[in-house]
Amino acid sequence: MGGVSGGHVMSANTTPSKAVSELLETASAAAGGLDDFGDPTFLEGLEVFIASGTADGQFSEIGAAAAPGMALGNLINRLRVVDHHKAHPELAETAVDAPIFLIGLPRTGTTALSHLLSVDPGNRSLLGWEINESVPPPTTATYRTDPRFITAMDAPDMLGMINPGFKAIHHDPPDMPLECATVLGQHFTSLHLSTTFNIDGYMQWVLQADHEPAYRYHRMMLQLLQSECPGRWQLKSPVHLLDPDALIAVYPDAKFVLTHRDPVNVIASVCSLVQSLTSTFTDADFRDYIRATWPEVVATLLDRQNAFRDTQIAAGNGDAFVDVAYADLVSDPIRTVASIYDALDHPFTAEAETAMVAHSAEHRQNRFGTHTYSLEEWDLSRPELEERCAPYLTRYAEFLETS
């Protein structure tokens, strides 16, 4: 397996490159002349993202448009979020109380669990439309009738049109929560950027980066979005395992739900997902790169999860964690949610249960097709992977399915 090495480090005071300067200017023009992007530390990740796309991405025509287009959209919304905070400085003092973070590995059921939790009226989730068009803040009364929501619901599924098979692997409909990775991406410090594109320079950088500035921007986003549409936040993304110490520095009363699955199966599934998603944006064959890189990335996430939990236990915060077996979530999702609520001391209301039962009936696993994958197709060895992941396998054996 390939190693995880250090990445390029750049000062936030570095003069932006020509490509980045042009993006900043275009974003400013699109945002009506706004020019305050807030904390300038985002520039480091943006520079690495753009440079790595050029050096590593081998983009197709679609990819060559998608990568800078994603960056531009992130910058435009960032300008508006910063401007709204400047106009409403009181937002900076508002609390984001005890948010729940689903922080299991990718391919362990976090998406399905987040979607299920979102139908509880007592929970507040992040939908794609409000992440991408955050200003003006949504309101409780018009959350599902806001023109931005309607536009998102009516918009064509471009990824599904270009890569129809990907929906069987992962699907985020516009009326269901999106990952926090997208918010962190507006600070250009998010692993999902190197899941979407094969950009190793950015991958190596983000694995070593300080994520706390990105989480401070994440909190700014939540403060804005909850200002007229409050609720108990339930949030999710495997990228939170990259720097959970940064997360808890910004959200010291956060609660964590850890979803558990045999990491060897996870690795095979992740390799398949990355191959499918990134192939949307390149015609080059990156299979050798994916095989050499992603098993170690997954193992690194497990190492950081273990270290983070140990640190929190030592600090007297061990009760902030709830463990969930992937197998239980698949076999009995409602009972699993009830156990999570009990552990978090949250009431599991009849209204929430009814909504979740209906959601589960309408959103069966494999409704878009079956995702097939194997270690053999990636020439990966179970014994080698089990040795690499041994600390996790030993610690969480009771929550893992047998291979």
Protein backbone atom coordinates (compact mmCIF):
# COMPACT_ATOMS: atom_id res chain seq x y z
CA MET A 1 0.00 0.00 0.00
CA GLY A 2 1.16 3.51 -0.68
CA GLY A 3 2.22 5.77 2.13
CA VAL A 4 0.71 9.05 3.24
CA SER A 5 3.29 11.79 3.08
CA GLY A 6 3.44 15.50 3.80
CA GLY A 7 2.16 18.11 1.36
CA HIS A 8 3.21 21.52 0.17
CA VAL A 9 2.90 24.29 2.75
CA MET A 10 2.14 27.85 1.71
CA SER A 11 1.75 31.04 3.70
CA ALA A 12 -1.66 32.68 3.65
CA ASN A 13 0.20 35.91 2.84
CA THR A 14 1.54 34.48 -0.43
CA THR A 15 0.44 36.49 -3.45
CA PRO A 16 -2.27 34.48 -5.24
CA SER A 17 -1.35 32.82 -8.50
CA LYS A 18 -2.81 34.12 -11.74
CA ALA A 19 -5.37 31.30 -11.89
CA VAL A 20 -6.53 31.90 -8.32
CA SER A 21 -6.56 35.69 -8.77
CA GLU A 22 -8.85 35.27 -11.76
CA LEU A 23 -11.17 33.01 -9.76
CA LEU A 24 -11.33 35.53 -6.92
CA GLU A 25 -12.12 38.36 -9.34
CA THR A 26 -14.80 36.33 -11.12
CA ALA A 27 -16.39 35.35 -7.80
CA SER A 28 -16.41 38.96 -6.64
CA ALA A 29 -18.12 40.10 -9.84
CA ALA A 30 -20.71 37.30 -9.57
CA ALA A 31 -21.41 38.28 -5.94
CA GLY A 32 -22.23 41.87 -6.84
CA GLY A 33 -18.82 43.30 -6.09
CA LEU A 34 -18.31 41.75 -2.65
CA ASP A 35 -14.60 41.33 -2.07
CA ASP A 36 -14.14 40.24 1.56
CA PHE A 37 -13.54 36.48 1.64
CA GLY A 38 -12.91 36.45 5.39
CA ASP A 39 -10.10 34.44 6.96
CA PRO A 40 -7.41 34.29 4.25
CA THR A 41 -6.14 30.86 5.28
CA PHE A 42 -8.55 29.38 2.71
CA LEU A 43 -6.16 30.58 0.00
CA GLU A 44 -3.60 27.91 0.79
CA GLY A 45 -6.03 25.08 0.10
CA LEU A 46 -7.41 26.84 -2.96
CA GLU A 47 -3.93 27.28 -4.42
CA VAL A 48 -3.06 23.63 -3.80
CA PHE A 49 -6.40 22.48 -5.24
CA ILE A 50 -5.95 24.45 -8.46
CA ALA A 51 -2.27 23.54 -8.83
CA SER A 52 -2.91 19.86 -8.14
CA GLY A 53 -5.74 19.80 -10.64
CA THR A 54 -3.34 21.05 -13.29
CA ALA A 55 -0.48 18.76 -12.29
CA ASP A 56 -2.33 15.59 -11.31
CA GLY A 57 -5.94 15.60 -12.46
CA GLN A 58 -5.60 14.63 -16.13
CA PHE A 59 -9.05 16.14 -16.56
CA SER A 60 -11.39 15.38 -19.40
CA GLU A 61 -13.32 18.26 -20.91
CA ILE A 62 -15.97 17.74 -18.24
CA GLY A 63 -13.39 17.72 -15.45
CA ALA A 64 -11.60 20.79 -16.78
CA ALA A 65 -14.87 22.70 -16.41
CA ALA A 66 -16.09 21.03 -13.21
CA ALA A 67 -13.07 21.64 -10.95
CA PRO A 68 -12.79 25.43 -11.39
CA GLY A 69 -16.59 25.62 -11.52
CA MET A 70 -16.80 23.98 -8.10
CA ALA A 71 -14.16 26.35 -6.76
CA LEU A 72 -16.01 29.36 -8.15
CA GLY A 73 -19.30 28.33 -6.59
CA ASN A 74 -17.58 27.85 -3.23
CA LEU A 75 -16.02 31.30 -3.43
CA ILE A 76 -19.27 33.05 -4.36
CA ASN A 77 -21.15 31.58 -1.43
CA ARG A 78 -18.23 32.25 0.90
CA LEU A 79 -18.35 35.94 -0.03
CA ARG A 80 -22.05 36.07 0.81
CA VAL A 81 -21.66 34.22 4.12
CA VAL A 82 -18.89 36.56 5.24
CA ASP A 83 -20.88 39.61 4.14
CA HIS A 84 -23.98 38.44 6.03
CA HIS A 85 -21.94 37.98 9.19
CA LYS A 86 -20.52 41.49 8.81
CA ALA A 87 -24.06 42.86 8.48
CA HIS A 88 -25.22 40.81 11.50
CA PRO A 89 -22.27 40.71 13.93
CA GLU A 90 -24.50 39.31 16.66
CA LEU A 91 -24.44 35.95 14.85
CA ALA A 92 -20.87 35.38 15.96
CA GLU A 93 -22.06 35.21 19.57
CA THR A 94 -24.84 32.68 19.00
CA ALA A 95 -24.28 29.16 20.26
CA VAL A 96 -24.37 26.01 18.18
CA ASP A 97 -25.53 23.73 20.96
CA ALA A 98 -24.32 20.12 21.25
CA PRO A 99 -24.37 19.24 17.55
CA ILE A 100 -24.43 15.54 16.69
CA PHE A 101 -21.71 14.46 14.26
CA LEU A 102 -21.87 11.13 12.44
CA ILE A 103 -18.18 10.43 11.93
CA GLY A 104 -17.78 6.84 10.82
CA LEU A 105 -15.70 5.80 7.85
CA PRO A 106 -17.16 6.21 4.37
CA ARG A 107 -19.32 3.25 3.30
CA THR A 108 -20.46 2.51 6.86
CA GLY A 109 -24.03 3.79 6.61
CA THR A 110 -23.53 7.41 7.62
CA THR A 111 -25.50 8.70 4.63
CA ALA A 112 -28.47 6.42 5.26
CA LEU A 113 -28.40 7.25 8.97
CA SER A 114 -28.20 10.99 8.33
CA HIS A 115 -31.10 10.81 5.89
CA LEU A 116 -33.12 8.88 8.47
CA LEU A 117 -32.36 11.34 11.27
CA SER A 118 -33.32 14.25 9.03
CA VAL A 119 -37.00 13.29 8.96
CA ASP A 120 -37.28 13.80 12.73
CA PRO A 121 -38.84 17.27 13.07
CA GLY A 122 -36.66 17.81 16.14
CA ASN A 123 -33.46 17.63 14.12
CA ARG A 124 -31.87 20.27 11.90
CA SER A 125 -29.94 19.05 8.87
CA LEU A 126 -27.84 20.58 6.11
CA LEU A 127 -29.44 20.46 2.69
CA GLY A 128 -27.48 21.16 -0.45
CA TRP A 129 -29.42 24.22 -1.51
CA GLU A 130 -28.74 26.09 1.73
CA ILE A 131 -25.07 25.12 1.70
CA ASN A 132 -24.61 26.45 -1.82
CA GLU A 133 -26.93 29.47 -1.56
CA SER A 134 -26.86 30.38 2.10
CA VAL A 135 -27.98 34.02 1.93
CA PRO A 136 -30.58 35.07 2.84
CA PRO A 137 -30.87 32.51 5.65
CA PRO A 138 -33.70 29.99 5.30
CA THR A 139 -36.73 30.34 7.54
CA THR A 140 -38.63 27.59 9.30
CA ALA A 141 -41.91 28.62 7.70
CA THR A 142 -40.62 28.55 4.12
CA TYR A 143 -37.86 25.95 4.34
CA ARG A 144 -39.52 23.57 1.86
CA THR A 145 -41.13 26.27 -0.26
CA ASP A 146 -38.13 28.57 -0.61
CA PRO A 147 -37.47 29.22 -4.32
CA ARG A 148 -33.92 27.94 -3.84
CA PHE A 149 -35.26 24.62 -2.57
CA ILE A 150 -37.75 24.38 -5.44
CA THR A 151 -34.99 25.14 -7.94
CA ALA A 152 -32.79 22.43 -6.42
CA MET A 153 -35.64 19.91 -6.56
CA ASP A 154 -36.37 20.74 -10.21
CA ALA A 155 -32.74 20.87 -11.35
CA PRO A 156 -31.51 18.01 -13.54
CA ASP A 157 -29.24 15.48 -11.85
CA MET A 158 -26.12 16.27 -13.87
CA LEU A 159 -23.94 13.65 -12.17
CA GLY A 160 -26.64 11.05 -12.69
CA MET A 161 -26.91 11.98 -16.36
CA ILE A 162 -23.16 11.80 -16.95
CA ASN A 163 -22.50 8.79 -14.71
CA PRO A 164 -25.81 6.95 -14.20
CA GLY A 165 -24.18 3.99 -12.47
CA PHE A 166 -22.93 6.10 -9.57
CA LYS A 167 -26.39 6.40 -8.06
CA ALA A 168 -26.20 2.73 -7.04
CA ILE A 169 -23.08 3.58 -5.01
CA HIS A 170 -24.02 6.92 -3.46
CA HIS A 171 -26.94 9.28 -3.87
CA ASP A 172 -27.84 12.55 -2.15
CA PRO A 173 -31.26 13.72 -3.34
CA PRO A 174 -31.82 17.47 -2.93
CA ASP A 175 -34.39 17.02 -0.16
CA MET A 176 -31.97 15.00 1.98
CA PRO A 177 -28.88 16.15 3.95
CA LEU A 178 -25.54 16.75 2.33
CA GLU A 179 -22.17 16.14 3.96
CA CYS A 180 -20.34 18.77 5.98
CA ALA A 181 -17.51 18.15 3.52
CA THR A 182 -19.24 20.56 1.17
CA VAL A 183 -19.17 23.33 3.79
CA LEU A 184 -15.53 22.65 4.65
CA GLY A 185 -14.88 22.76 0.92
CA GLN A 186 -15.79 26.44 0.95
CA HIS A 187 -12.60 26.85 2.98
CA PHE A 188 -10.88 24.45 0.54
CA THR A 189 -9.89 22.10 3.37
CA SER A 190 -11.90 18.97 2.67
CA LEU A 191 -11.01 15.41 1.68
CA HIS A 192 -14.03 15.22 -0.61
CA LEU A 193 -12.19 17.34 -3.17
CA SER A 194 -9.66 14.52 -3.60
CA THR A 195 -12.47 11.98 -3.68
CA THR A 196 -14.12 13.78 -6.57
CA PHE A 197 -10.89 14.31 -8.51
CA ASN A 198 -7.66 12.30 -8.53
CA ILE A 199 -5.49 15.15 -7.27
CA ASP A 200 -2.72 13.63 -5.21
CA GLY A 201 -0.96 16.90 -4.44
CA TYR A 202 -4.11 18.17 -2.79
CA MET A 203 -4.68 14.80 -1.09
CA GLN A 204 -1.27 14.89 0.56
CA TRP A 205 -1.78 18.50 1.60
CA VAL A 206 -5.23 18.02 3.15
CA LEU A 207 -4.08 14.97 5.13
CA GLN A 208 -1.56 17.17 6.93
CA ALA A 209 -3.42 20.49 7.01
CA ASP A 210 -4.74 22.30 10.08
CA HIS A 211 -8.53 22.05 9.74
CA GLU A 212 -9.49 24.40 12.57
CA PRO A 213 -9.91 27.47 10.30
CA ALA A 214 -12.25 25.43 8.11
CA TYR A 215 -14.30 24.45 11.16
CA ARG A 216 -14.52 28.08 12.21
CA TYR A 217 -16.03 28.81 8.79
CA HIS A 218 -18.30 25.77 9.25
CA ARG A 219 -19.58 27.30 12.52
CA MET A 220 -20.17 30.63 10.76
CA MET A 221 -22.31 28.76 8.25
CA LEU A 222 -24.35 27.01 10.96
CA GLN A 223 -24.83 30.26 12.89
CA LEU A 224 -26.21 31.87 9.75
CA LEU A 225 -28.43 28.95 8.74
CA GLN A 226 -29.94 28.45 12.21
CA SER A 227 -30.65 32.15 12.73
CA GLU A 228 -34.18 31.88 11.31
CA CYS A 229 -34.51 28.10 11.12
CA PRO A 230 -33.24 26.68 14.43
CA GLY A 231 -33.02 23.09 15.57
CA ARG A 232 -30.77 20.40 16.99
CA TRP A 233 -28.06 19.91 14.38
CA GLN A 234 -27.34 16.42 13.10
CA LEU A 235 -24.34 16.51 10.78
CA LYS A 236 -22.24 13.98 9.00
CA SER A 237 -19.13 13.36 7.01
CA PRO A 238 -16.29 10.86 7.10
CA VAL A 239 -13.93 13.78 6.49
CA HIS A 240 -14.39 14.75 10.15
CA LEU A 241 -11.98 11.93 10.99
CA LEU A 242 -9.14 13.84 9.32
CA ASP A 243 -8.79 16.34 12.16
CA PRO A 244 -11.34 15.66 14.90
CA ASP A 245 -9.26 17.65 17.37
CA ALA A 246 -9.97 20.73 15.26
CA LEU A 247 -13.68 19.89 15.22
CA ILE A 248 -13.98 19.65 18.98
CA ALA A 249 -11.91 22.81 19.46
CA VAL A 250 -14.70 24.65 17.63
CA TYR A 251 -17.60 22.52 18.97
CA PRO A 252 -16.52 21.52 22.50
CA ASP A 253 -19.92 20.07 23.44
CA ALA A 254 -20.32 18.00 20.27
CA LYS A 255 -21.64 14.44 20.39
CA PHE A 256 -20.28 11.73 18.10
CA VAL A 257 -21.93 8.72 16.51
CA LEU A 258 -19.35 6.22 15.26
CA THR A 259 -20.62 3.78 12.65
CA HIS A 260 -18.62 0.55 12.48
CA ARG A 261 -18.05 -1.91 9.64
CA ASP A 262 -15.28 -4.32 8.72
CA PRO A 263 -12.67 -1.87 7.39
CA VAL A 264 -11.42 -4.36 4.81
CA ASN A 265 -14.86 -4.36 3.20
CA VAL A 266 -14.91 -0.58 3.55
CA ILE A 267 -11.62 -0.28 1.66
CA ALA A 268 -12.87 -2.34 -1.28
CA SER A 269 -16.07 -0.27 -1.39
CA VAL A 270 -14.18 3.03 -1.14
CA CYS A 271 -11.85 2.09 -3.99
CA SER A 272 -14.86 1.27 -6.14
CA LEU A 273 -16.61 4.53 -5.23
CA VAL A 274 -13.55 6.67 -5.94
CA GLN A 275 -12.97 4.92 -9.26
CA SER A 276 -16.57 5.51 -10.34
CA LEU A 277 -16.81 9.12 -9.18
CA THR A 278 -13.44 10.33 -10.44
CA SER A 279 -13.94 8.64 -13.81
CA THR A 280 -16.70 11.18 -14.39
CA PHE A 281 -14.02 13.85 -14.73
CA THR A 282 -11.12 12.06 -16.40
CA ASP A 283 -10.55 9.56 -19.19
CA ALA A 284 -7.22 8.44 -17.70
CA ASP A 285 -6.81 5.16 -15.84
CA PHE A 286 -6.19 5.92 -12.15
CA ARG A 287 -6.79 2.41 -10.82
CA ASP A 288 -3.16 1.89 -9.77
CA TYR A 289 -3.18 5.25 -7.99
CA ILE A 290 -6.45 4.46 -6.19
CA ARG A 291 -5.18 1.05 -5.13
CA ALA A 292 -1.90 2.50 -3.85
CA THR A 293 -3.47 5.44 -2.04
CA TRP A 294 -6.93 4.84 -0.65
CA PRO A 295 -6.36 1.78 1.59
CA GLU A 296 -3.77 3.79 3.52
CA VAL A 297 -6.05 6.83 3.65
CA VAL A 298 -8.82 4.72 5.20
CA ALA A 299 -6.37 3.20 7.68
CA THR A 300 -5.12 6.68 8.57
CA LEU A 301 -8.68 7.79 9.32
CA LEU A 302 -9.04 4.83 11.67
CA ASP A 303 -5.78 5.71 13.41
CA ARG A 304 -6.97 9.27 13.95
CA GLN A 305 -10.37 8.10 15.19
CA ASN A 306 -8.72 5.86 17.78
CA ALA A 307 -6.33 8.59 18.91
CA PHE A 308 -9.12 11.15 19.15
CA ARG A 309 -11.32 8.90 21.25
CA ASP A 310 -8.44 8.07 23.56
CA THR A 311 -7.75 11.78 24.04
CA GLN A 312 -11.39 12.50 24.80
CA ILE A 313 -11.65 9.61 27.25
CA ALA A 314 -8.57 10.89 29.05
CA ALA A 315 -10.19 14.33 29.20
CA GLY A 316 -13.33 12.89 30.80
CA ASN A 317 -15.42 13.18 27.64
CA GLY A 318 -15.86 9.50 26.86
CA ASP A 319 -19.64 9.70 27.12
CA ALA A 320 -19.74 11.94 24.04
CA PHE A 321 -19.48 8.83 21.82
CA VAL A 322 -22.13 6.37 20.65
CA ASP A 323 -21.16 3.22 18.75
CA VAL A 324 -23.35 1.80 15.98
CA ALA A 325 -22.83 -1.43 14.06
CA TYR A 326 -23.40 -1.13 10.31
CA ALA A 327 -25.08 -4.53 10.36
CA ASP A 328 -27.61 -3.31 12.95
CA LEU A 329 -28.30 -0.15 10.97
CA VAL A 330 -29.04 -2.20 7.85
CA SER A 331 -31.13 -4.87 9.58
CA ASP A 332 -33.15 -2.68 11.96
CA PRO A 333 -32.66 1.05 11.34
CA ILE A 334 -35.50 2.24 13.57
CA ARG A 335 -34.33 0.27 16.58
CA THR A 336 -30.79 1.50 15.93
CA VAL A 337 -31.92 5.13 15.93
CA ALA A 338 -33.90 4.56 19.13
CA SER A 339 -30.73 3.26 20.80
CA ILE A 340 -28.77 6.30 19.60
CA TYR A 341 -31.38 8.66 21.01
CA ASP A 342 -31.37 6.79 24.29
CA ALA A 343 -27.58 7.06 24.54
CA LEU A 344 -27.75 10.78 23.77
CA ASP A 345 -30.67 11.30 26.17
CA HIS A 346 -32.85 12.62 23.36
CA PRO A 347 -36.57 11.80 23.30
CA PHE A 348 -37.56 9.42 20.51
CA THR A 349 -41.03 10.76 19.82
CA ALA A 350 -43.88 8.93 18.15
CA GLU A 351 -43.83 11.60 15.44
CA ALA A 352 -40.16 10.92 14.73
CA GLU A 353 -40.66 7.15 14.70
CA THR A 354 -43.61 7.38 12.30
CA ALA A 355 -41.64 9.58 9.92
CA MET A 356 -38.63 7.27 10.05
CA VAL A 357 -40.69 4.15 9.41
CA ALA A 358 -42.22 5.79 6.34
CA HIS A 359 -38.82 6.98 5.13
CA SER A 360 -37.29 3.52 5.53
CA ALA A 361 -40.11 1.95 3.56
CA GLU A 362 -39.63 4.41 0.71
CA HIS A 363 -35.82 4.32 0.67
CA ARG A 364 -34.82 0.68 0.58
CA GLN A 365 -31.17 -0.22 0.18
CA ASN A 366 -30.21 -1.03 -3.43
CA ARG A 367 -33.26 0.72 -4.88
CA PHE A 368 -30.99 2.22 -7.56
CA GLY A 369 -29.15 -1.06 -8.16
CA THR A 370 -26.59 -3.12 -6.29
CA HIS A 371 -23.08 -1.84 -5.73
CA THR A 372 -20.73 -4.75 -6.39
CA TYR A 373 -17.05 -4.68 -5.45
CA SER A 374 -14.34 -7.03 -4.23
CA LEU A 375 -10.80 -7.07 -2.90
CA GLU A 376 -9.78 -9.26 -5.82
CA GLU A 377 -10.60 -6.67 -8.46
CA TRP A 378 -8.21 -4.30 -6.67
CA ASP A 379 -5.56 -6.96 -6.04
CA LEU A 380 -5.76 -6.29 -2.32
CA SER A 381 -4.93 -8.78 0.42
CA ARG A 382 -7.28 -9.23 3.37
CA PRO A 383 -4.50 -10.41 5.72
CA GLU A 384 -2.35 -7.36 4.88
CA LEU A 385 -5.26 -4.97 5.36
CA GLU A 386 -6.30 -6.63 8.61
CA GLU A 387 -2.75 -6.26 9.91
CA ARG A 388 -2.75 -2.55 9.03
CA CYS A 389 -6.14 -2.03 10.70
CA ALA A 390 -5.47 -4.34 13.67
CA PRO A 391 -5.87 -1.74 16.45
CA TYR A 392 -9.33 -0.82 15.18
CA LEU A 393 -10.35 -4.44 14.55
CA THR A 394 -9.40 -5.39 18.10
CA ARG A 395 -11.03 -2.40 19.75
CA TYR A 396 -14.37 -2.63 17.96
CA ALA A 397 -14.68 -6.37 17.27
CA GLU A 398 -18.13 -6.56 18.87
CA PHE A 399 -19.51 -4.07 16.33
CA LEU A 400 -18.02 -5.66 13.20
CA GLU A 401 -19.54 -8.23 10.89
CA THR A 402 -17.59 -11.43 10.33
CA SER A 403 -15.73 -11.55 7.03
